[in-house]
Amino acid sequence: MVRKSANTLVLVIFLLIGLVIGSFIGDLLSGTIDLLSFGKTIGFDPFTLDLVFLKLTLGLEFTINLASILGLLLALMIYKKI
């Protein structure tokens, strides 16, 4: 059972690294290859919950572009090879 959860954790880490590196490369090359920077932002704007004694602000936003998807697919292929 530990082996399966360890494999899942490694997969998630690989996918996150692939997304980050892909997004970074997409931003770096956005001036030369415009197609890589094409993407969409998904999420919701920050909102504040004020309970007098506690003030909580929450927000979540993901920006996915074509380069990050390519990085995700590359990370998945590398994971399957190991």
PDB file of N, CA and C in Angstrom:
ATOM      1  N   MET A   1       0.817  -1.201   0.000  1.00  0.00           N
ATOM      2  CA  MET A   1       0.000   0.000   0.000  1.00  0.00           C
ATOM      3  C   MET A   1       0.858   1.261   0.000  1.00  0.00           C
ATOM      4  N   VAL A   2       1.977   1.222   0.701  1.00  0.00           N
ATOM      5  CA  VAL A   2       2.858   2.380   0.747  1.00  0.00           C
ATOM      6  C   VAL A   2       3.453   2.645  -0.635  1.00  0.00           C
ATOM      7  N   ARG A   3       3.726   1.602  -1.367  1.00  0.00           N
ATOM      8  CA  ARG A   3       4.318   1.728  -2.696  1.00  0.00           C
ATOM      9  C   ARG A   3       3.402   2.511  -3.639  1.00  0.00           C
ATOM     10  N   LYS A   4       2.092   2.260  -3.587  1.00  0.00           N
ATOM     11  CA  LYS A   4       1.155   2.947  -4.469  1.00  0.00           C
ATOM     12  C   LYS A   4       1.064   4.430  -4.129  1.00  0.00           C
ATOM     13  N   SER A   5       1.007   4.771  -2.844  1.00  0.00           N
ATOM     14  CA  SER A   5       0.919   6.181  -2.468  1.00  0.00           C
ATOM     15  C   SER A   5       2.218   6.915  -2.778  1.00  0.00           C
ATOM     16  N   ALA A   6       3.353   6.224  -2.671  1.00  0.00           N
ATOM     17  CA  ALA A   6       4.633   6.836  -3.033  1.00  0.00           C
ATOM     18  C   ALA A   6       4.688   7.107  -4.528  1.00  0.00           C
ATOM     19  N   ASN A   7       4.196   6.161  -5.327  1.00  0.00           N
ATOM     20  CA  ASN A   7       4.155   6.360  -6.777  1.00  0.00           C
ATOM     21  C   ASN A   7       3.235   7.511  -7.150  1.00  0.00           C
ATOM     22  N   THR A   8       2.128   7.639  -6.469  1.00  0.00           N
ATOM     23  CA  THR A   8       1.194   8.730  -6.726  1.00  0.00           C
ATOM     24  C   THR A   8       1.831  10.065  -6.386  1.00  0.00           C
ATOM     25  N   LEU A   9       2.546  10.122  -5.283  1.00  0.00           N
ATOM     26  CA  LEU A   9       3.222  11.351  -4.892  1.00  0.00           C
ATOM     27  C   LEU A   9       4.286  11.736  -5.915  1.00  0.00           C
ATOM     28  N   VAL A  10       5.045  10.776  -6.390  1.00  0.00           N
ATOM     29  CA  VAL A  10       6.070  11.043  -7.405  1.00  0.00           C
ATOM     30  C   VAL A  10       5.411  11.541  -8.690  1.00  0.00           C
ATOM     31  N   LEU A  11       4.298  10.943  -9.081  1.00  0.00           N
ATOM     32  CA  LEU A  11       3.574  11.376 -10.282  1.00  0.00           C
ATOM     33  C   LEU A  11       3.102  12.820 -10.135  1.00  0.00           C
ATOM     34  N   VAL A  12       2.524  13.157  -9.008  1.00  0.00           N
ATOM     35  CA  VAL A  12       2.037  14.520  -8.780  1.00  0.00           C
ATOM     36  C   VAL A  12       3.198  15.514  -8.821  1.00  0.00           C
ATOM     37  N   ILE A  13       4.329  15.151  -8.215  1.00  0.00           N
ATOM     38  CA  ILE A  13       5.499  16.032  -8.240  1.00  0.00           C
ATOM     39  C   ILE A  13       6.002  16.216  -9.671  1.00  0.00           C
ATOM     40  N   PHE A  14       6.071  15.140 -10.436  1.00  0.00           N
ATOM     41  CA  PHE A  14       6.494  15.234 -11.836  1.00  0.00           C
ATOM     42  C   PHE A  14       5.558  16.147 -12.623  1.00  0.00           C
ATOM     43  N   LEU A  15       4.246  15.977 -12.435  1.00  0.00           N
ATOM     44  CA  LEU A  15       3.288  16.793 -13.176  1.00  0.00           C
ATOM     45  C   LEU A  15       3.382  18.263 -12.798  1.00  0.00           C
ATOM     46  N   LEU A  16       3.557  18.564 -11.515  1.00  0.00           N
ATOM     47  CA  LEU A  16       3.695  19.955 -11.093  1.00  0.00           C
ATOM     48  C   LEU A  16       4.971  20.582 -11.655  1.00  0.00           C
ATOM     49  N   ILE A  17       6.061  19.828 -11.629  1.00  0.00           N
ATOM     50  CA  ILE A  17       7.317  20.336 -12.190  1.00  0.00           C
ATOM     51  C   ILE A  17       7.158  20.567 -13.695  1.00  0.00           C
ATOM     52  N   GLY A  18       6.469  19.665 -14.381  1.00  0.00           N
ATOM     53  CA  GLY A  18       6.222  19.829 -15.814  1.00  0.00           C
ATOM     54  C   GLY A  18       5.404  21.060 -16.113  1.00  0.00           C
ATOM     55  N   LEU A  19       4.389  21.317 -15.294  1.00  0.00           N
ATOM     56  CA  LEU A  19       3.562  22.519 -15.479  1.00  0.00           C
ATOM     57  C   LEU A  19       4.373  23.792 -15.264  1.00  0.00           C
ATOM     58  N   VAL A  20       5.167  23.808 -14.207  1.00  0.00           N
ATOM     59  CA  VAL A  20       5.951  25.005 -13.885  1.00  0.00           C
ATOM     60  C   VAL A  20       6.998  25.272 -14.962  1.00  0.00           C
ATOM     61  N   ILE A  21       7.740  24.239 -15.357  1.00  0.00           N
ATOM     62  CA  ILE A  21       8.772  24.422 -16.380  1.00  0.00           C
ATOM     63  C   ILE A  21       8.143  24.789 -17.723  1.00  0.00           C
ATOM     64  N   GLY A  22       7.028  24.166 -18.065  1.00  0.00           N
ATOM     65  CA  GLY A  22       6.341  24.494 -19.311  1.00  0.00           C
ATOM     66  C   GLY A  22       5.841  25.930 -19.321  1.00  0.00           C
ATOM     67  N   SER A  23       5.279  26.391 -18.215  1.00  0.00           N
ATOM     68  CA  SER A  23       4.816  27.777 -18.127  1.00  0.00           C
ATOM     69  C   SER A  23       5.988  28.748 -18.232  1.00  0.00           C
ATOM     70  N   PHE A  24       7.089  28.408 -17.563  1.00  0.00           N
ATOM     71  CA  PHE A  24       8.273  29.260 -17.614  1.00  0.00           C
ATOM     72  C   PHE A  24       8.803  29.371 -19.043  1.00  0.00           C
ATOM     73  N   ILE A  25       8.895  28.243 -19.739  1.00  0.00           N
ATOM     74  CA  ILE A  25       9.372  28.250 -21.123  1.00  0.00           C
ATOM     75  C   ILE A  25       8.394  28.999 -22.025  1.00  0.00           C
ATOM     76  N   GLY A  26       7.106  28.832 -21.783  1.00  0.00           N
ATOM     77  CA  GLY A  26       6.107  29.553 -22.565  1.00  0.00           C
ATOM     78  C   GLY A  26       6.224  31.056 -22.394  1.00  0.00           C
ATOM     79  N   ASP A  27       6.466  31.515 -21.161  1.00  0.00           N
ATOM     80  CA  ASP A  27       6.654  32.941 -20.926  1.00  0.00           C
ATOM     81  C   ASP A  27       7.953  33.440 -21.549  1.00  0.00           C
ATOM     82  N   LEU A  28       8.982  32.622 -21.486  1.00  0.00           N
ATOM     83  CA  LEU A  28      10.279  32.995 -22.041  1.00  0.00           C
ATOM     84  C   LEU A  28      10.212  33.143 -23.561  1.00  0.00           C
ATOM     85  N   LEU A  29       9.507  32.229 -24.209  1.00  0.00           N
ATOM     86  CA  LEU A  29       9.451  32.221 -25.675  1.00  0.00           C
ATOM     87  C   LEU A  29       8.214  32.912 -26.247  1.00  0.00           C
ATOM     88  N   SER A  30       7.450  33.585 -25.408  1.00  0.00           N
ATOM     89  CA  SER A  30       6.208  34.192 -25.891  1.00  0.00           C
ATOM     90  C   SER A  30       6.457  35.289 -26.921  1.00  0.00           C
ATOM     91  N   GLY A  31       7.630  35.921 -26.890  1.00  0.00           N
ATOM     92  CA  GLY A  31       7.937  36.951 -27.872  1.00  0.00           C
ATOM     93  C   GLY A  31       8.257  36.390 -29.242  1.00  0.00           C
ATOM     94  N   THR A  32       8.806  35.185 -29.284  1.00  0.00           N
ATOM     95  CA  THR A  32       9.199  34.600 -30.568  1.00  0.00           C
ATOM     96  C   THR A  32       8.156  33.622 -31.104  1.00  0.00           C
ATOM     97  N   ILE A  33       7.580  32.823 -30.237  1.00  0.00           N
ATOM     98  CA  ILE A  33       6.563  31.849 -30.661  1.00  0.00           C
ATOM     99  C   ILE A  33       5.272  32.176 -29.897  1.00  0.00           C
ATOM    100  N   ASP A  34       4.414  32.944 -30.532  1.00  0.00           N
ATOM    101  CA  ASP A  34       3.193  33.410 -29.858  1.00  0.00           C
ATOM    102  C   ASP A  34       2.237  32.282 -29.488  1.00  0.00           C
ATOM    103  N   LEU A  35       2.290  31.208 -30.231  1.00  0.00           N
ATOM    104  CA  LEU A  35       1.378  30.087 -29.996  1.00  0.00           C
ATOM    105  C   LEU A  35       1.588  29.459 -28.615  1.00  0.00           C
ATOM    106  N   LEU A  36       2.823  29.445 -28.118  1.00  0.00           N
ATOM    107  CA  LEU A  36       3.110  28.833 -26.819  1.00  0.00           C
ATOM    108  C   LEU A  36       2.471  29.586 -25.657  1.00  0.00           C
ATOM    109  N   SER A  37       2.271  30.882 -25.818  1.00  0.00           N
ATOM    110  CA  SER A  37       1.700  31.668 -24.727  1.00  0.00           C
ATOM    111  C   SER A  37       0.170  31.707 -24.761  1.00  0.00           C
ATOM    112  N   PHE A  38      -0.433  31.093 -25.758  1.00  0.00           N
ATOM    113  CA  PHE A  38      -1.894  31.049 -25.842  1.00  0.00           C
ATOM    114  C   PHE A  38      -2.438  30.199 -24.695  1.00  0.00           C
ATOM    115  N   GLY A  39      -3.349  30.757 -23.917  1.00  0.00           N
ATOM    116  CA  GLY A  39      -3.868  30.002 -22.786  1.00  0.00           C
ATOM    117  C   GLY A  39      -5.105  30.616 -22.185  1.00  0.00           C
ATOM    118  N   LYS A  40      -5.455  30.116 -21.027  1.00  0.00           N
ATOM    119  CA  LYS A  40      -6.682  30.528 -20.340  1.00  0.00           C
ATOM    120  C   LYS A  40      -6.420  30.581 -18.846  1.00  0.00           C
ATOM    121  N   THR A  41      -7.043  31.536 -18.176  1.00  0.00           N
ATOM    122  CA  THR A  41      -6.959  31.645 -16.724  1.00  0.00           C
ATOM    123  C   THR A  41      -8.254  31.125 -16.121  1.00  0.00           C
ATOM    124  N   ILE A  42      -8.132  30.233 -15.158  1.00  0.00           N
ATOM    125  CA  ILE A  42      -9.284  29.606 -14.514  1.00  0.00           C
ATOM    126  C   ILE A  42      -9.182  29.881 -13.018  1.00  0.00           C
ATOM    127  N   GLY A  43     -10.281  30.234 -12.403  1.00  0.00           N
ATOM    128  CA  GLY A  43     -10.268  30.454 -10.964  1.00  0.00           C
ATOM    129  C   GLY A  43     -11.330  31.447 -10.534  1.00  0.00           C
ATOM    130  N   PHE A  44     -11.166  31.942  -9.324  1.00  0.00           N
ATOM    131  CA  PHE A  44     -12.086  32.956  -8.826  1.00  0.00           C
ATOM    132  C   PHE A  44     -11.296  34.059  -8.133  1.00  0.00           C
ATOM    133  N   ASP A  45     -11.855  35.269  -8.197  1.00  0.00           N
ATOM    134  CA  ASP A  45     -11.202  36.428  -7.596  1.00  0.00           C
ATOM    135  C   ASP A  45     -11.189  36.304  -6.081  1.00  0.00           C
ATOM    136  N   PRO A  46     -10.231  36.969  -5.445  1.00  0.00           N
ATOM    137  CA  PRO A  46     -10.179  36.917  -3.978  1.00  0.00           C
ATOM    138  C   PRO A  46     -11.433  37.528  -3.353  1.00  0.00           C
ATOM    139  N   PHE A  47     -11.879  36.912  -2.295  1.00  0.00           N
ATOM    140  CA  PHE A  47     -12.990  37.467  -1.527  1.00  0.00           C
ATOM    141  C   PHE A  47     -12.605  37.437  -0.052  1.00  0.00           C
ATOM    142  N   THR A  48     -13.220  38.320   0.715  1.00  0.00           N
ATOM    143  CA  THR A  48     -12.864  38.453   2.122  1.00  0.00           C
ATOM    144  C   THR A  48     -14.056  38.098   2.994  1.00  0.00           C
ATOM    145  N   LEU A  49     -13.806  37.275   3.987  1.00  0.00           N
ATOM    146  CA  LEU A  49     -14.795  36.905   4.994  1.00  0.00           C
ATOM    147  C   LEU A  49     -14.371  37.581   6.289  1.00  0.00           C
ATOM    148  N   ASP A  50     -15.166  38.548   6.740  1.00  0.00           N
ATOM    149  CA  ASP A  50     -14.828  39.311   7.945  1.00  0.00           C
ATOM    150  C   ASP A  50     -15.761  38.895   9.072  1.00  0.00           C
ATOM    151  N   LEU A  51     -15.214  38.225  10.091  1.00  0.00           N
ATOM    152  CA  LEU A  51     -15.984  37.757  11.243  1.00  0.00           C
ATOM    153  C   LEU A  51     -15.645  38.552  12.505  1.00  0.00           C
ATOM    154  N   VAL A  52     -15.270  39.799  12.372  1.00  0.00           N
ATOM    155  CA  VAL A  52     -14.876  40.735  13.415  1.00  0.00           C
ATOM    156  C   VAL A  52     -13.570  40.291  14.089  1.00  0.00           C
ATOM    157  N   PHE A  53     -13.523  39.106  14.633  1.00  0.00           N
ATOM    158  CA  PHE A  53     -12.313  38.639  15.308  1.00  0.00           C
ATOM    159  C   PHE A  53     -11.354  37.940  14.344  1.00  0.00           C
ATOM    160  N   LEU A  54     -11.813  37.649  13.132  1.00  0.00           N
ATOM    161  CA  LEU A  54     -11.011  36.947  12.140  1.00  0.00           C
ATOM    162  C   LEU A  54     -11.349  37.489  10.765  1.00  0.00           C
ATOM    163  N   LYS A  55     -10.333  37.826  10.007  1.00  0.00           N
ATOM    164  CA  LYS A  55     -10.527  38.284   8.636  1.00  0.00           C
ATOM    165  C   LYS A  55      -9.794  37.309   7.728  1.00  0.00           C
ATOM    166  N   LEU A  56     -10.521  36.690   6.832  1.00  0.00           N
ATOM    167  CA  LEU A  56      -9.983  35.651   5.971  1.00  0.00           C
ATOM    168  C   LEU A  56     -10.187  36.047   4.515  1.00  0.00           C
ATOM    169  N   THR A  57      -9.100  36.038   3.741  1.00  0.00           N
ATOM    170  CA  THR A  57      -9.164  36.348   2.320  1.00  0.00           C
ATOM    171  C   THR A  57      -8.727  35.123   1.537  1.00  0.00           C
ATOM    172  N   LEU A  58      -9.579  34.684   0.616  1.00  0.00           N
ATOM    173  CA  LEU A  58      -9.300  33.497  -0.195  1.00  0.00           C
ATOM    174  C   LEU A  58      -9.416  33.837  -1.680  1.00  0.00           C
ATOM    175  N   GLY A  59      -8.564  33.222  -2.468  1.00  0.00           N
ATOM    176  CA  GLY A  59      -8.621  33.365  -3.913  1.00  0.00           C
ATOM    177  C   GLY A  59      -7.802  32.253  -4.544  1.00  0.00           C
ATOM    178  N   LEU A  60      -8.179  31.856  -5.722  1.00  0.00           N
ATOM    179  CA  LEU A  60      -7.482  30.777  -6.410  1.00  0.00           C
ATOM    180  C   LEU A  60      -7.530  31.046  -7.908  1.00  0.00           C
ATOM    181  N   GLU A  61      -6.367  30.919  -8.560  1.00  0.00           N
ATOM    182  CA  GLU A  61      -6.315  31.185  -9.987  1.00  0.00           C
ATOM    183  C   GLU A  61      -5.227  30.324 -10.627  1.00  0.00           C
ATOM    184  N   PHE A  62      -5.569  29.662 -11.697  1.00  0.00           N
ATOM    185  CA  PHE A  62      -4.635  28.864 -12.482  1.00  0.00           C
ATOM    186  C   PHE A  62      -4.558  29.459 -13.881  1.00  0.00           C
ATOM    187  N   THR A  63      -3.354  29.614 -14.383  1.00  0.00           N
ATOM    188  CA  THR A  63      -3.163  30.057 -15.754  1.00  0.00           C
ATOM    189  C   THR A  63      -2.505  28.914 -16.516  1.00  0.00           C
ATOM    190  N   ILE A  64      -3.237  28.372 -17.452  1.00  0.00           N
ATOM    191  CA  ILE A  64      -2.755  27.243 -18.250  1.00  0.00           C
ATOM    192  C   ILE A  64      -2.531  27.744 -19.670  1.00  0.00           C
ATOM    193  N   ASN A  65      -1.317  27.527 -20.193  1.00  0.00           N
ATOM    194  CA  ASN A  65      -1.054  27.872 -21.587  1.00  0.00           C
ATOM    195  C   ASN A  65      -0.600  26.617 -22.336  1.00  0.00           C
ATOM    196  N   LEU A  66      -0.406  26.764 -23.607  1.00  0.00           N
ATOM    197  CA  LEU A  66      -0.051  25.610 -24.435  1.00  0.00           C
ATOM    198  C   LEU A  66       1.289  25.017 -24.020  1.00  0.00           C
ATOM    199  N   ALA A  67       2.239  25.862 -23.655  1.00  0.00           N
ATOM    200  CA  ALA A  67       3.556  25.370 -23.246  1.00  0.00           C
ATOM    201  C   ALA A  67       3.464  24.574 -21.950  1.00  0.00           C
ATOM    202  N   SER A  68       2.599  24.980 -21.024  1.00  0.00           N
ATOM    203  CA  SER A  68       2.460  24.227 -19.775  1.00  0.00           C
ATOM    204  C   SER A  68       1.811  22.869 -20.018  1.00  0.00           C
ATOM    205  N   ILE A  69       0.914  22.804 -20.976  1.00  0.00           N
ATOM    206  CA  ILE A  69       0.312  21.506 -21.325  1.00  0.00           C
ATOM    207  C   ILE A  69       1.365  20.597 -21.960  1.00  0.00           C
ATOM    208  N   LEU A  70       2.217  21.164 -22.812  1.00  0.00           N
ATOM    209  CA  LEU A  70       3.305  20.370 -23.403  1.00  0.00           C
ATOM    210  C   LEU A  70       4.275  19.906 -22.325  1.00  0.00           C
ATOM    211  N   GLY A  71       4.569  20.757 -21.339  1.00  0.00           N
ATOM    212  CA  GLY A  71       5.423  20.365 -20.224  1.00  0.00           C
ATOM    213  C   GLY A  71       4.789  19.263 -19.395  1.00  0.00           C
ATOM    214  N   LEU A  72       3.483  19.341 -19.212  1.00  0.00           N
ATOM    215  CA  LEU A  72       2.746  18.313 -18.480  1.00  0.00           C
ATOM    216  C   LEU A  72       2.828  16.966 -19.205  1.00  0.00           C
ATOM    217  N   LEU A  73       2.625  16.983 -20.512  1.00  0.00           N
ATOM    218  CA  LEU A  73       2.700  15.743 -21.297  1.00  0.00           C
ATOM    219  C   LEU A  73       4.118  15.167 -21.296  1.00  0.00           C
ATOM    220  N   LEU A  74       5.121  16.036 -21.383  1.00  0.00           N
ATOM    221  CA  LEU A  74       6.508  15.578 -21.337  1.00  0.00           C
ATOM    222  C   LEU A  74       6.834  14.958 -19.975  1.00  0.00           C
ATOM    223  N   ALA A  75       6.368  15.569 -18.903  1.00  0.00           N
ATOM    224  CA  ALA A  75       6.595  15.018 -17.563  1.00  0.00           C
ATOM    225  C   ALA A  75       5.910  13.663 -17.410  1.00  0.00           C
ATOM    226  N   LEU A  76       4.731  13.520 -17.976  1.00  0.00           N
ATOM    227  CA  LEU A  76       4.022  12.245 -17.920  1.00  0.00           C
ATOM    228  C   LEU A  76       4.775  11.163 -18.687  1.00  0.00           C
ATOM    229  N   MET A  77       5.323  11.510 -19.841  1.00  0.00           N
ATOM    230  CA  MET A  77       6.095  10.537 -20.617  1.00  0.00           C
ATOM    231  C   MET A  77       7.373  10.136 -19.872  1.00  0.00           C
ATOM    232  N   ILE A  78       8.040  11.097 -19.231  1.00  0.00           N
ATOM    233  CA  ILE A  78       9.240  10.775 -18.452  1.00  0.00           C
ATOM    234  C   ILE A  78       8.888   9.885 -17.276  1.00  0.00           C
ATOM    235  N   TYR A  79       7.765  10.153 -16.612  1.00  0.00           N
ATOM    236  CA  TYR A  79       7.343   9.326 -15.479  1.00  0.00           C
ATOM    237  C   TYR A  79       7.084   7.884 -15.909  1.00  0.00           C
ATOM    238  N   LYS A  80       6.454   7.716 -17.059  1.00  0.00           N
ATOM    239  CA  LYS A  80       6.162   6.364 -17.538  1.00  0.00           C
ATOM    240  C   LYS A  80       7.435   5.598 -17.912  1.00  0.00           C
ATOM    241  N   LYS A  81       8.492   6.321 -18.292  1.00  0.00           N
ATOM    242  CA  LYS A  81       9.748   5.658 -18.665  1.00  0.00           C
ATOM    243  C   LYS A  81      10.498   5.145 -17.443  1.00  0.00           C
ATOM    244  N   ILE A  82      10.318   5.805 -16.291  1.00  0.00           N
ATOM    245  CA  ILE A  82      11.063   5.363 -15.099  1.00  0.00           C
ATOM    246  C   ILE A  82      10.281   4.336 -14.301  1.00  0.00           C
TER     247      ILE A  82
END
